[in-house]
């Protein structure tokens, strides 16, 4: 990246560093290269595309209808379609790893280290919302003896996570919409990595209500988010605008600010433990790339 913090068009990065090329070969949609910035999949202009230029000219002349807008509010449909689209463009394992934001081997240990830092005991019960293909679950399974529930909208991701983690004592479940399939007051910690980044604010708040419900008193919520104040996150916003104009079939990219999170915590009766920048190195394995918010349910 240059001094401005902005990656040139088409450069593939995660948390400020290039991803392994093997994980990123392929395209996702005509004329749009897959790009990862701070754990967010976006589409970057792939260069000169005569067919797209002709299509756009015909649309402007009224000789062709514009392509249908993707239904980004249908969480399950857009995410399932997105994963299937990646799987058509590259080997299955590469698609499963890239679908959850790339950096599979590097970022999983960072996430696990963050949870340990904020108090997840090795015998604690963790609920991993939006567990994806097991990026967190895989490194966590090495030394975590406690219960684990991983949930996701995409069946292919859940199946991949179960396969690579190999923990028959852990639960992996496919969900259809917002909700945590657990009884009240059971979990020690609930985490959302690269989840709130793709939800409307109303949906994110709803999930925080669910997390509060399933937590034990004293339990914590750990989630990552994108904020406009982060220069790299602002670049993601600009790239998302481009992708939206191009009607690229990608999930929502949603941004938050710290006053909003503080207001939500107050309304939910939760305590703000800490809010950190995505550049901060908190876990030994490195920085996350996305900003981090930690909330606690009063004990």
C-alpha atoms as a PDB file:
ATOM      1  CA  UNK A   1       0.000   0.000   0.000  1.00  0.00           C
ATOM      2  CA  UNK A   2       1.134   3.560  -0.628  1.00  0.00           C
ATOM      3  CA  UNK A   3       1.609   6.327   1.883  1.00  0.00           C
ATOM      4  CA  UNK A   4      -2.027   7.263   1.465  1.00  0.00           C
ATOM      5  CA  UNK A   5      -3.113   3.879   2.840  1.00  0.00           C
ATOM      6  CA  UNK A   6      -5.066   3.174  -0.324  1.00  0.00           C
ATOM      7  CA  UNK A   7      -4.466   0.063  -2.364  1.00  0.00           C
ATOM      8  CA  UNK A   8      -4.172   0.542  -6.144  1.00  0.00           C
ATOM      9  CA  UNK A   9      -7.060  -0.907  -8.204  1.00  0.00           C
ATOM     10  CA  UNK A  10      -7.048  -4.680  -8.204  1.00  0.00           C
ATOM     11  CA  UNK A  11      -4.499  -5.141  -5.430  1.00  0.00           C
ATOM     12  CA  UNK A  12      -5.653  -7.823  -3.037  1.00  0.00           C
ATOM     13  CA  UNK A  13      -5.042  -7.027   0.611  1.00  0.00           C
ATOM     14  CA  UNK A  14      -6.143  -8.047   4.079  1.00  0.00           C
ATOM     15  CA  UNK A  15      -5.407  -5.934   7.118  1.00  0.00           C
ATOM     16  CA  UNK A  16      -2.825  -3.986   5.141  1.00  0.00           C
ATOM     17  CA  UNK A  17      -0.898  -6.932   3.691  1.00  0.00           C
ATOM     18  CA  UNK A  18      -1.185  -8.981   0.482  1.00  0.00           C
ATOM     19  CA  UNK A  19      -3.051 -12.264   0.710  1.00  0.00           C
ATOM     20  CA  UNK A  20      -1.538 -15.466  -0.689  1.00  0.00           C
ATOM     21  CA  UNK A  21      -2.223 -15.503  -4.416  1.00  0.00           C
ATOM     22  CA  UNK A  22      -3.430 -19.104  -4.262  1.00  0.00           C
ATOM     23  CA  UNK A  23      -6.366 -17.988  -2.161  1.00  0.00           C
ATOM     24  CA  UNK A  24      -7.402 -15.289  -4.549  1.00  0.00           C
ATOM     25  CA  UNK A  25      -7.141 -16.595  -8.083  1.00  0.00           C
ATOM     26  CA  UNK A  26     -10.410 -16.074  -9.923  1.00  0.00           C
ATOM     27  CA  UNK A  27     -13.136 -13.595 -10.563  1.00  0.00           C
ATOM     28  CA  UNK A  28     -16.497 -12.917  -8.982  1.00  0.00           C
ATOM     29  CA  UNK A  29     -18.775 -11.434 -11.566  1.00  0.00           C
ATOM     30  CA  UNK A  30     -17.956 -10.182 -15.024  1.00  0.00           C
ATOM     31  CA  UNK A  31     -15.274  -7.561 -15.061  1.00  0.00           C
ATOM     32  CA  UNK A  32     -14.868  -7.444 -11.283  1.00  0.00           C
ATOM     33  CA  UNK A  33     -11.797  -8.838  -9.556  1.00  0.00           C
ATOM     34  CA  UNK A  34     -12.197 -10.190  -6.044  1.00  0.00           C
ATOM     35  CA  UNK A  35     -10.536  -7.807  -3.590  1.00  0.00           C
ATOM     36  CA  UNK A  36     -10.250  -8.128   0.178  1.00  0.00           C
ATOM     37  CA  UNK A  37      -9.716  -5.105   2.398  1.00  0.00           C
ATOM     38  CA  UNK A  38      -9.786  -5.417   6.185  1.00  0.00           C
ATOM     39  CA  UNK A  39     -11.712  -8.643   5.940  1.00  0.00           C
ATOM     40  CA  UNK A  40     -14.332  -7.271   3.550  1.00  0.00           C
ATOM     41  CA  UNK A  41     -14.836  -8.691   0.076  1.00  0.00           C
ATOM     42  CA  UNK A  42     -15.377  -6.000  -2.513  1.00  0.00           C
ATOM     43  CA  UNK A  43     -15.094  -5.798  -6.270  1.00  0.00           C
ATOM     44  CA  UNK A  44     -12.448  -3.729  -7.955  1.00  0.00           C
ATOM     45  CA  UNK A  45     -12.461  -2.423 -11.509  1.00  0.00           C
ATOM     46  CA  UNK A  46     -10.695  -5.088 -13.507  1.00  0.00           C
ATOM     47  CA  UNK A  47      -9.705  -2.793 -16.369  1.00  0.00           C
ATOM     48  CA  UNK A  48     -11.059  -2.270 -19.900  1.00  0.00           C
ATOM     49  CA  UNK A  49     -14.266  -4.226 -20.592  1.00  0.00           C
ATOM     50  CA  UNK A  50     -15.779  -3.598 -24.057  1.00  0.00           C
ATOM     51  CA  UNK A  51     -18.861  -5.758 -23.432  1.00  0.00           C
ATOM     52  CA  UNK A  52     -19.695  -3.871 -20.270  1.00  0.00           C
ATOM     53  CA  UNK A  53     -19.202  -0.540 -22.054  1.00  0.00           C
ATOM     54  CA  UNK A  54     -21.574  -1.665 -24.832  1.00  0.00           C
ATOM     55  CA  UNK A  55     -24.133  -2.839 -22.290  1.00  0.00           C
ATOM     56  CA  UNK A  56     -24.005   0.480 -20.416  1.00  0.00           C
ATOM     57  CA  UNK A  57     -24.359   2.442 -23.679  1.00  0.00           C
ATOM     58  CA  UNK A  58     -27.443   0.419 -24.676  1.00  0.00           C
ATOM     59  CA  UNK A  59     -28.961   1.014 -21.236  1.00  0.00           C
ATOM     60  CA  UNK A  60     -28.414   4.783 -21.547  1.00  0.00           C
ATOM     61  CA  UNK A  61     -30.091   4.735 -24.978  1.00  0.00           C
ATOM     62  CA  UNK A  62     -33.060   2.841 -23.579  1.00  0.00           C
ATOM     63  CA  UNK A  63     -32.365  -0.150 -25.830  1.00  0.00           C
ATOM     64  CA  UNK A  64     -31.665  -2.513 -22.973  1.00  0.00           C
ATOM     65  CA  UNK A  65     -32.968  -2.939 -19.450  1.00  0.00           C
ATOM     66  CA  UNK A  66     -30.428  -2.555 -16.623  1.00  0.00           C
ATOM     67  CA  UNK A  67     -29.643  -5.768 -14.738  1.00  0.00           C
ATOM     68  CA  UNK A  68     -31.816  -6.482 -11.726  1.00  0.00           C
ATOM     69  CA  UNK A  69     -30.549  -5.099  -8.438  1.00  0.00           C
ATOM     70  CA  UNK A  70     -29.358  -7.850  -6.085  1.00  0.00           C
ATOM     71  CA  UNK A  71     -31.647  -8.241  -3.065  1.00  0.00           C
ATOM     72  CA  UNK A  72     -29.095  -7.413  -0.404  1.00  0.00           C
ATOM     73  CA  UNK A  73     -31.716  -7.376   2.339  1.00  0.00           C
ATOM     74  CA  UNK A  74     -32.387 -11.076   1.861  1.00  0.00           C
ATOM     75  CA  UNK A  75     -29.467 -12.142   4.014  1.00  0.00           C
ATOM     76  CA  UNK A  76     -29.600 -15.840   3.281  1.00  0.00           C
ATOM     77  CA  UNK A  77     -30.170 -15.528  -0.458  1.00  0.00           C
ATOM     78  CA  UNK A  78     -27.378 -13.009  -1.105  1.00  0.00           C
ATOM     79  CA  UNK A  79     -24.833 -14.901   0.997  1.00  0.00           C
ATOM     80  CA  UNK A  80     -25.671 -18.316  -0.443  1.00  0.00           C
ATOM     81  CA  UNK A  81     -25.513 -16.913  -3.978  1.00  0.00           C
ATOM     82  CA  UNK A  82     -22.224 -15.155  -3.255  1.00  0.00           C
ATOM     83  CA  UNK A  83     -20.567 -18.348  -1.964  1.00  0.00           C
ATOM     84  CA  UNK A  84     -21.882 -20.394  -4.871  1.00  0.00           C
ATOM     85  CA  UNK A  85     -20.561 -17.773  -7.281  1.00  0.00           C
ATOM     86  CA  UNK A  86     -17.082 -18.023  -5.791  1.00  0.00           C
ATOM     87  CA  UNK A  87     -17.227 -21.837  -5.902  1.00  0.00           C
ATOM     88  CA  UNK A  88     -17.793 -21.671  -9.665  1.00  0.00           C
ATOM     89  CA  UNK A  89     -14.661 -19.617 -10.154  1.00  0.00           C
ATOM     90  CA  UNK A  90     -12.061 -21.490  -8.082  1.00  0.00           C
ATOM     91  CA  UNK A  91     -11.412 -24.762  -6.229  1.00  0.00           C
ATOM     92  CA  UNK A  92     -13.921 -25.536  -3.485  1.00  0.00           C
ATOM     93  CA  UNK A  93     -11.549 -25.121  -0.550  1.00  0.00           C
ATOM     94  CA  UNK A  94     -10.213 -21.804  -1.854  1.00  0.00           C
ATOM     95  CA  UNK A  95     -13.780 -20.538  -2.318  1.00  0.00           C
ATOM     96  CA  UNK A  96     -14.774 -21.567   1.210  1.00  0.00           C
ATOM     97  CA  UNK A  97     -11.789 -19.748   2.666  1.00  0.00           C
ATOM     98  CA  UNK A  98     -12.168 -16.616   0.558  1.00  0.00           C
ATOM     99  CA  UNK A  99     -15.928 -16.369   1.122  1.00  0.00           C
ATOM    100  CA  UNK A 100     -15.470 -15.271   4.731  1.00  0.00           C
ATOM    101  CA  UNK A 101     -13.041 -12.496   3.917  1.00  0.00           C
ATOM    102  CA  UNK A 102      -9.713 -14.122   3.173  1.00  0.00           C
ATOM    103  CA  UNK A 103      -6.701 -14.401   5.428  1.00  0.00           C
ATOM    104  CA  UNK A 104      -7.960 -17.782   6.584  1.00  0.00           C
ATOM    105  CA  UNK A 105      -4.786 -19.108   8.196  1.00  0.00           C
ATOM    106  CA  UNK A 106      -3.510 -15.705   9.377  1.00  0.00           C
ATOM    107  CA  UNK A 107      -6.648 -14.100  10.796  1.00  0.00           C
ATOM    108  CA  UNK A 108      -8.144 -17.098  12.633  1.00  0.00           C
ATOM    109  CA  UNK A 109      -5.382 -17.087  15.288  1.00  0.00           C
ATOM    110  CA  UNK A 110      -5.811 -13.305  15.684  1.00  0.00           C
ATOM    111  CA  UNK A 111      -9.525 -13.773  16.381  1.00  0.00           C
ATOM    112  CA  UNK A 112      -8.856 -16.609  18.832  1.00  0.00           C
ATOM    113  CA  UNK A 113      -6.220 -14.509  20.596  1.00  0.00           C
ATOM    114  CA  UNK A 114      -8.649 -11.613  20.936  1.00  0.00           C
ATOM    115  CA  UNK A 115     -11.248 -13.813  22.592  1.00  0.00           C
ATOM    116  CA  UNK A 116      -8.672 -15.144  25.048  1.00  0.00           C
ATOM    117  CA  UNK A 117      -7.512 -11.577  25.738  1.00  0.00           C
ATOM    118  CA  UNK A 118     -11.039 -10.515  26.612  1.00  0.00           C
ATOM    119  CA  UNK A 119     -11.617 -13.400  28.992  1.00  0.00           C
ATOM    120  CA  UNK A 120     -12.742 -16.533  27.157  1.00  0.00           C
ATOM    121  CA  UNK A 121     -11.559 -19.393  29.359  1.00  0.00           C
ATOM    122  CA  UNK A 122     -10.466 -22.637  27.737  1.00  0.00           C
ATOM    123  CA  UNK A 123     -13.520 -24.333  29.275  1.00  0.00           C
ATOM    124  CA  UNK A 124     -15.911 -21.462  28.473  1.00  0.00           C
ATOM    125  CA  UNK A 125     -18.934 -21.680  26.189  1.00  0.00           C
ATOM    126  CA  UNK A 126     -18.474 -19.626  23.010  1.00  0.00           C
ATOM    127  CA  UNK A 127     -21.168 -18.827  20.462  1.00  0.00           C
ATOM    128  CA  UNK A 128     -19.627 -17.850  17.125  1.00  0.00           C
ATOM    129  CA  UNK A 129     -22.241 -16.007  15.052  1.00  0.00           C
ATOM    130  CA  UNK A 130     -21.414 -16.036  11.360  1.00  0.00           C
ATOM    131  CA  UNK A 131     -18.795 -18.722  11.923  1.00  0.00           C
ATOM    132  CA  UNK A 132     -18.396 -19.160   8.176  1.00  0.00           C
ATOM    133  CA  UNK A 133     -16.063 -21.920   7.061  1.00  0.00           C
ATOM    134  CA  UNK A 134     -14.279 -22.251  10.388  1.00  0.00           C
ATOM    135  CA  UNK A 135     -11.596 -19.577  10.274  1.00  0.00           C
ATOM    136  CA  UNK A 136     -11.893 -19.007  14.028  1.00  0.00           C
ATOM    137  CA  UNK A 137     -13.090 -22.475  15.007  1.00  0.00           C
ATOM    138  CA  UNK A 138     -10.091 -24.256  13.496  1.00  0.00           C
ATOM    139  CA  UNK A 139      -7.348 -22.609  15.598  1.00  0.00           C
ATOM    140  CA  UNK A 140      -9.610 -22.392  18.646  1.00  0.00           C
ATOM    141  CA  UNK A 141     -10.230 -26.146  18.553  1.00  0.00           C
ATOM    142  CA  UNK A 142      -6.587 -26.863  19.343  1.00  0.00           C
ATOM    143  CA  UNK A 143      -6.840 -25.968  23.036  1.00  0.00           C
ATOM    144  CA  UNK A 144     -10.486 -25.103  23.721  1.00  0.00           C
ATOM    145  CA  UNK A 145     -12.154 -27.762  25.846  1.00  0.00           C
ATOM    146  CA  UNK A 146     -15.389 -25.861  26.423  1.00  0.00           C
ATOM    147  CA  UNK A 147     -18.616 -25.888  24.449  1.00  0.00           C
ATOM    148  CA  UNK A 148     -18.889 -24.161  21.088  1.00  0.00           C
ATOM    149  CA  UNK A 149     -21.810 -23.246  18.836  1.00  0.00           C
ATOM    150  CA  UNK A 150     -21.086 -21.943  15.342  1.00  0.00           C
ATOM    151  CA  UNK A 151     -23.968 -20.652  13.243  1.00  0.00           C
ATOM    152  CA  UNK A 152     -24.138 -19.359   9.682  1.00  0.00           C
ATOM    153  CA  UNK A 153     -26.621 -18.733   6.881  1.00  0.00           C
ATOM    154  CA  UNK A 154     -24.695 -20.710   4.257  1.00  0.00           C
ATOM    155  CA  UNK A 155     -24.899 -24.527   4.392  1.00  0.00           C
ATOM    156  CA  UNK A 156     -21.704 -24.995   2.348  1.00  0.00           C
ATOM    157  CA  UNK A 157     -19.706 -22.924   4.851  1.00  0.00           C
ATOM    158  CA  UNK A 158     -21.076 -24.840   7.821  1.00  0.00           C
ATOM    159  CA  UNK A 159     -20.277 -28.165   6.166  1.00  0.00           C
ATOM    160  CA  UNK A 160     -16.720 -27.038   5.463  1.00  0.00           C
ATOM    161  CA  UNK A 161     -16.245 -25.818   9.037  1.00  0.00           C
ATOM    162  CA  UNK A 162     -17.448 -29.119  10.491  1.00  0.00           C
ATOM    163  CA  UNK A 163     -15.103 -31.017   8.198  1.00  0.00           C
ATOM    164  CA  UNK A 164     -11.914 -29.110   8.937  1.00  0.00           C
ATOM    165  CA  UNK A 165     -12.496 -28.638  12.670  1.00  0.00           C
ATOM    166  CA  UNK A 166     -13.274 -32.279  13.414  1.00  0.00           C
ATOM    167  CA  UNK A 167     -14.882 -31.706  16.806  1.00  0.00           C
ATOM    168  CA  UNK A 168     -17.967 -33.939  17.171  1.00  0.00           C
ATOM    169  CA  UNK A 169     -18.601 -32.392  20.589  1.00  0.00           C
ATOM    170  CA  UNK A 170     -19.093 -28.938  19.015  1.00  0.00           C
ATOM    171  CA  UNK A 171     -22.312 -27.732  17.408  1.00  0.00           C
ATOM    172  CA  UNK A 172     -22.496 -26.221  13.929  1.00  0.00           C
ATOM    173  CA  UNK A 173     -25.935 -25.120  12.758  1.00  0.00           C
ATOM    174  CA  UNK A 174     -27.392 -23.520   9.641  1.00  0.00           C
ATOM    175  CA  UNK A 175     -29.786 -20.660  10.345  1.00  0.00           C
ATOM    176  CA  UNK A 176     -32.257 -18.947   8.031  1.00  0.00           C
ATOM    177  CA  UNK A 177     -32.348 -15.445   9.503  1.00  0.00           C
ATOM    178  CA  UNK A 178     -31.294 -13.414  12.522  1.00  0.00           C
ATOM    179  CA  UNK A 179     -31.402 -15.387  15.748  1.00  0.00           C
ATOM    180  CA  UNK A 180     -29.243 -17.503  18.049  1.00  0.00           C
ATOM    181  CA  UNK A 181     -30.560 -21.046  18.614  1.00  0.00           C
ATOM    182  CA  UNK A 182     -29.747 -21.244  22.301  1.00  0.00           C
ATOM    183  CA  UNK A 183     -31.631 -20.890  25.576  1.00  0.00           C
ATOM    184  CA  UNK A 184     -31.316 -17.829  27.791  1.00  0.00           C
ATOM    185  CA  UNK A 185     -28.264 -17.305  29.975  1.00  0.00           C
ATOM    186  CA  UNK A 186     -26.058 -20.123  28.693  1.00  0.00           C
ATOM    187  CA  UNK A 187     -22.994 -18.635  26.993  1.00  0.00           C
ATOM    188  CA  UNK A 188     -19.838 -17.089  28.421  1.00  0.00           C
ATOM    189  CA  UNK A 189     -19.070 -15.153  25.255  1.00  0.00           C
ATOM    190  CA  UNK A 190     -20.707 -14.372  21.911  1.00  0.00           C
ATOM    191  CA  UNK A 191     -18.565 -13.188  19.000  1.00  0.00           C
ATOM    192  CA  UNK A 192     -19.346 -11.656  15.613  1.00  0.00           C
ATOM    193  CA  UNK A 193     -16.338 -11.387  13.306  1.00  0.00           C
ATOM    194  CA  UNK A 194     -17.130  -9.782   9.925  1.00  0.00           C
ATOM    195  CA  UNK A 195     -20.860 -10.042  10.643  1.00  0.00           C
ATOM    196  CA  UNK A 196     -21.978  -6.565  11.737  1.00  0.00           C
ATOM    197  CA  UNK A 197     -20.046  -5.337   8.689  1.00  0.00           C
ATOM    198  CA  UNK A 198     -22.763  -6.832   6.472  1.00  0.00           C
ATOM    199  CA  UNK A 199     -25.947  -6.053   8.427  1.00  0.00           C
ATOM    200  CA  UNK A 200     -28.266  -3.078   8.540  1.00  0.00           C
ATOM    201  CA  UNK A 201     -28.043  -1.228  11.842  1.00  0.00           C
ATOM    202  CA  UNK A 202     -31.455  -2.532  12.833  1.00  0.00           C
ATOM    203  CA  UNK A 203     -30.306  -6.084  12.182  1.00  0.00           C
ATOM    204  CA  UNK A 204     -27.049  -5.604  14.087  1.00  0.00           C
ATOM    205  CA  UNK A 205     -28.959  -4.221  17.074  1.00  0.00           C
ATOM    206  CA  UNK A 206     -31.338  -7.175  16.888  1.00  0.00           C
ATOM    207  CA  UNK A 207     -28.375  -9.547  17.026  1.00  0.00           C
ATOM    208  CA  UNK A 208     -27.000  -7.717  20.060  1.00  0.00           C
ATOM    209  CA  UNK A 209     -30.369  -8.265  21.745  1.00  0.00           C
ATOM    210  CA  UNK A 210     -30.037 -11.968  20.969  1.00  0.00           C
ATOM    211  CA  UNK A 211     -26.473 -12.046  22.279  1.00  0.00           C
ATOM    212  CA  UNK A 212     -27.508 -10.366  25.527  1.00  0.00           C
ATOM    213  CA  UNK A 213     -30.292 -12.915  25.934  1.00  0.00           C
ATOM    214  CA  UNK A 214     -28.074 -15.996  25.610  1.00  0.00           C
ATOM    215  CA  UNK A 215     -25.221 -14.637  27.738  1.00  0.00           C
ATOM    216  CA  UNK A 216     -24.684 -15.501  31.361  1.00  0.00           C
ATOM    217  CA  UNK A 217     -24.422 -12.540  33.738  1.00  0.00           C
ATOM    218  CA  UNK A 218     -20.894 -11.222  33.345  1.00  0.00           C
ATOM    219  CA  UNK A 219     -20.601 -12.641  29.840  1.00  0.00           C
ATOM    220  CA  UNK A 220     -19.131 -10.631  26.977  1.00  0.00           C
ATOM    221  CA  UNK A 221     -19.912  -9.757  23.377  1.00  0.00           C
ATOM    222  CA  UNK A 222     -16.984  -9.249  21.003  1.00  0.00           C
ATOM    223  CA  UNK A 223     -17.639  -7.948  17.503  1.00  0.00           C
ATOM    224  CA  UNK A 224     -15.730  -6.341  14.660  1.00  0.00           C
ATOM    225  CA  UNK A 225     -16.985  -3.393  12.637  1.00  0.00           C
ATOM    226  CA  UNK A 226     -16.052  -0.859   9.979  1.00  0.00           C
ATOM    227  CA  UNK A 227     -15.818   2.822  10.857  1.00  0.00           C
ATOM    228  CA  UNK A 228     -15.457   5.833   8.592  1.00  0.00           C
ATOM    229  CA  UNK A 229     -12.668   7.265  10.774  1.00  0.00           C
ATOM    230  CA  UNK A 230     -10.311   4.462   9.683  1.00  0.00           C
ATOM    231  CA  UNK A 231      -8.573   5.483   6.431  1.00  0.00           C
ATOM    232  CA  UNK A 232      -8.555   1.915   5.082  1.00  0.00           C
ATOM    233  CA  UNK A 233     -12.227   1.517   5.954  1.00  0.00           C
ATOM    234  CA  UNK A 234     -13.022   4.728   4.086  1.00  0.00           C
ATOM    235  CA  UNK A 235     -11.353   3.190   1.047  1.00  0.00           C
ATOM    236  CA  UNK A 236     -13.637   0.180   1.458  1.00  0.00           C
ATOM    237  CA  UNK A 237     -16.623   2.524   1.441  1.00  0.00           C
ATOM    238  CA  UNK A 238     -15.506   4.139  -1.805  1.00  0.00           C
ATOM    239  CA  UNK A 239     -14.914   0.747  -3.434  1.00  0.00           C
ATOM    240  CA  UNK A 240     -18.339  -0.368  -2.221  1.00  0.00           C
ATOM    241  CA  UNK A 241     -19.892   2.655  -3.925  1.00  0.00           C
ATOM    242  CA  UNK A 242     -18.217   1.585  -7.169  1.00  0.00           C
ATOM    243  CA  UNK A 243     -19.427  -1.992  -6.749  1.00  0.00           C
ATOM    244  CA  UNK A 244     -22.964  -0.760  -6.071  1.00  0.00           C
ATOM    245  CA  UNK A 245     -22.959   1.335  -9.228  1.00  0.00           C
ATOM    246  CA  UNK A 246     -21.798  -1.721 -11.161  1.00  0.00           C
ATOM    247  CA  UNK A 247     -24.562  -3.812  -9.551  1.00  0.00           C
ATOM    248  CA  UNK A 248     -21.988  -6.325  -8.347  1.00  0.00           C
ATOM    249  CA  UNK A 249     -23.628  -9.261  -6.523  1.00  0.00           C
ATOM    250  CA  UNK A 250     -21.900  -8.798  -3.178  1.00  0.00           C
ATOM    251  CA  UNK A 251     -23.272  -8.636   0.383  1.00  0.00           C
ATOM    252  CA  UNK A 252     -23.847  -5.297   2.066  1.00  0.00           C
ATOM    253  CA  UNK A 253     -20.875  -3.443   3.519  1.00  0.00           C
ATOM    254  CA  UNK A 254     -22.117  -1.388   6.473  1.00  0.00           C
ATOM    255  CA  UNK A 255     -20.268   1.153   8.615  1.00  0.00           C
ATOM    256  CA  UNK A 256     -20.731   2.213  12.243  1.00  0.00           C
ATOM    257  CA  UNK A 257     -19.425   4.915  14.563  1.00  0.00           C
ATOM    258  CA  UNK A 258     -18.439   4.774  18.196  1.00  0.00           C
ATOM    259  CA  UNK A 259     -21.140   7.122  19.578  1.00  0.00           C
ATOM    260  CA  UNK A 260     -23.774   4.855  18.015  1.00  0.00           C
ATOM    261  CA  UNK A 261     -22.268   1.760  19.620  1.00  0.00           C
ATOM    262  CA  UNK A 262     -22.145   3.505  22.990  1.00  0.00           C
ATOM    263  CA  UNK A 263     -25.797   4.529  22.625  1.00  0.00           C
ATOM    264  CA  UNK A 264     -26.786   0.968  21.713  1.00  0.00           C
ATOM    265  CA  UNK A 265     -24.940  -0.444  24.704  1.00  0.00           C
ATOM    266  CA  UNK A 266     -26.722   1.965  27.039  1.00  0.00           C
ATOM    267  CA  UNK A 267     -30.122   1.104  25.556  1.00  0.00           C
ATOM    268  CA  UNK A 268     -29.417  -2.629  25.892  1.00  0.00           C
ATOM    269  CA  UNK A 269     -28.187  -2.385  29.464  1.00  0.00           C
ATOM    270  CA  UNK A 270     -24.696  -3.475  28.455  1.00  0.00           C
ATOM    271  CA  UNK A 271     -21.357  -2.093  29.588  1.00  0.00           C
ATOM    272  CA  UNK A 272     -18.770  -0.872  27.084  1.00  0.00           C
ATOM    273  CA  UNK A 273     -15.547  -2.676  27.984  1.00  0.00           C
ATOM    274  CA  UNK A 274     -13.458  -1.342  25.124  1.00  0.00           C
ATOM    275  CA  UNK A 275     -13.573  -0.066  21.545  1.00  0.00           C
ATOM    276  CA  UNK A 276     -10.336  -0.421  19.571  1.00  0.00           C
ATOM    277  CA  UNK A 277      -9.008   0.502  16.162  1.00  0.00           C
ATOM    278  CA  UNK A 278      -8.408  -2.147  13.542  1.00  0.00           C
ATOM    279  CA  UNK A 279      -4.770  -1.072  13.506  1.00  0.00           C
ATOM    280  CA  UNK A 280      -4.247  -1.915  17.183  1.00  0.00           C
ATOM    281  CA  UNK A 281      -2.243  -5.041  17.954  1.00  0.00           C
ATOM    282  CA  UNK A 282      -4.111  -6.644  20.850  1.00  0.00           C
ATOM    283  CA  UNK A 283      -3.505 -10.344  20.257  1.00  0.00           C
ATOM    284  CA  UNK A 284       0.016 -11.776  19.855  1.00  0.00           C
ATOM    285  CA  UNK A 285      -0.793 -12.929  16.305  1.00  0.00           C
ATOM    286  CA  UNK A 286      -1.289  -9.354  15.082  1.00  0.00           C
ATOM    287  CA  UNK A 287      -3.999  -6.802  14.290  1.00  0.00           C
ATOM    288  CA  UNK A 288      -7.459  -7.657  13.018  1.00  0.00           C
ATOM    289  CA  UNK A 289      -7.909  -4.955  10.388  1.00  0.00           C
ATOM    290  CA  UNK A 290     -11.481  -4.245  11.428  1.00  0.00           C
ATOM    291  CA  UNK A 291     -12.288  -2.156  14.493  1.00  0.00           C
ATOM    292  CA  UNK A 292     -13.362  -4.036  17.610  1.00  0.00           C
ATOM    293  CA  UNK A 293     -16.079  -3.461  20.212  1.00  0.00           C
ATOM    294  CA  UNK A 294     -16.342  -5.405  23.468  1.00  0.00           C
ATOM    295  CA  UNK A 295     -19.504  -5.242  25.574  1.00  0.00           C
ATOM    296  CA  UNK A 296     -20.354  -6.965  28.859  1.00  0.00           C
ATOM    297  CA  UNK A 297     -23.615  -8.102  30.421  1.00  0.00           C
ATOM    298  CA  UNK A 298     -23.684  -6.901  34.026  1.00  0.00           C
ATOM    299  CA  UNK A 299     -23.022  -9.688  36.513  1.00  0.00           C
END
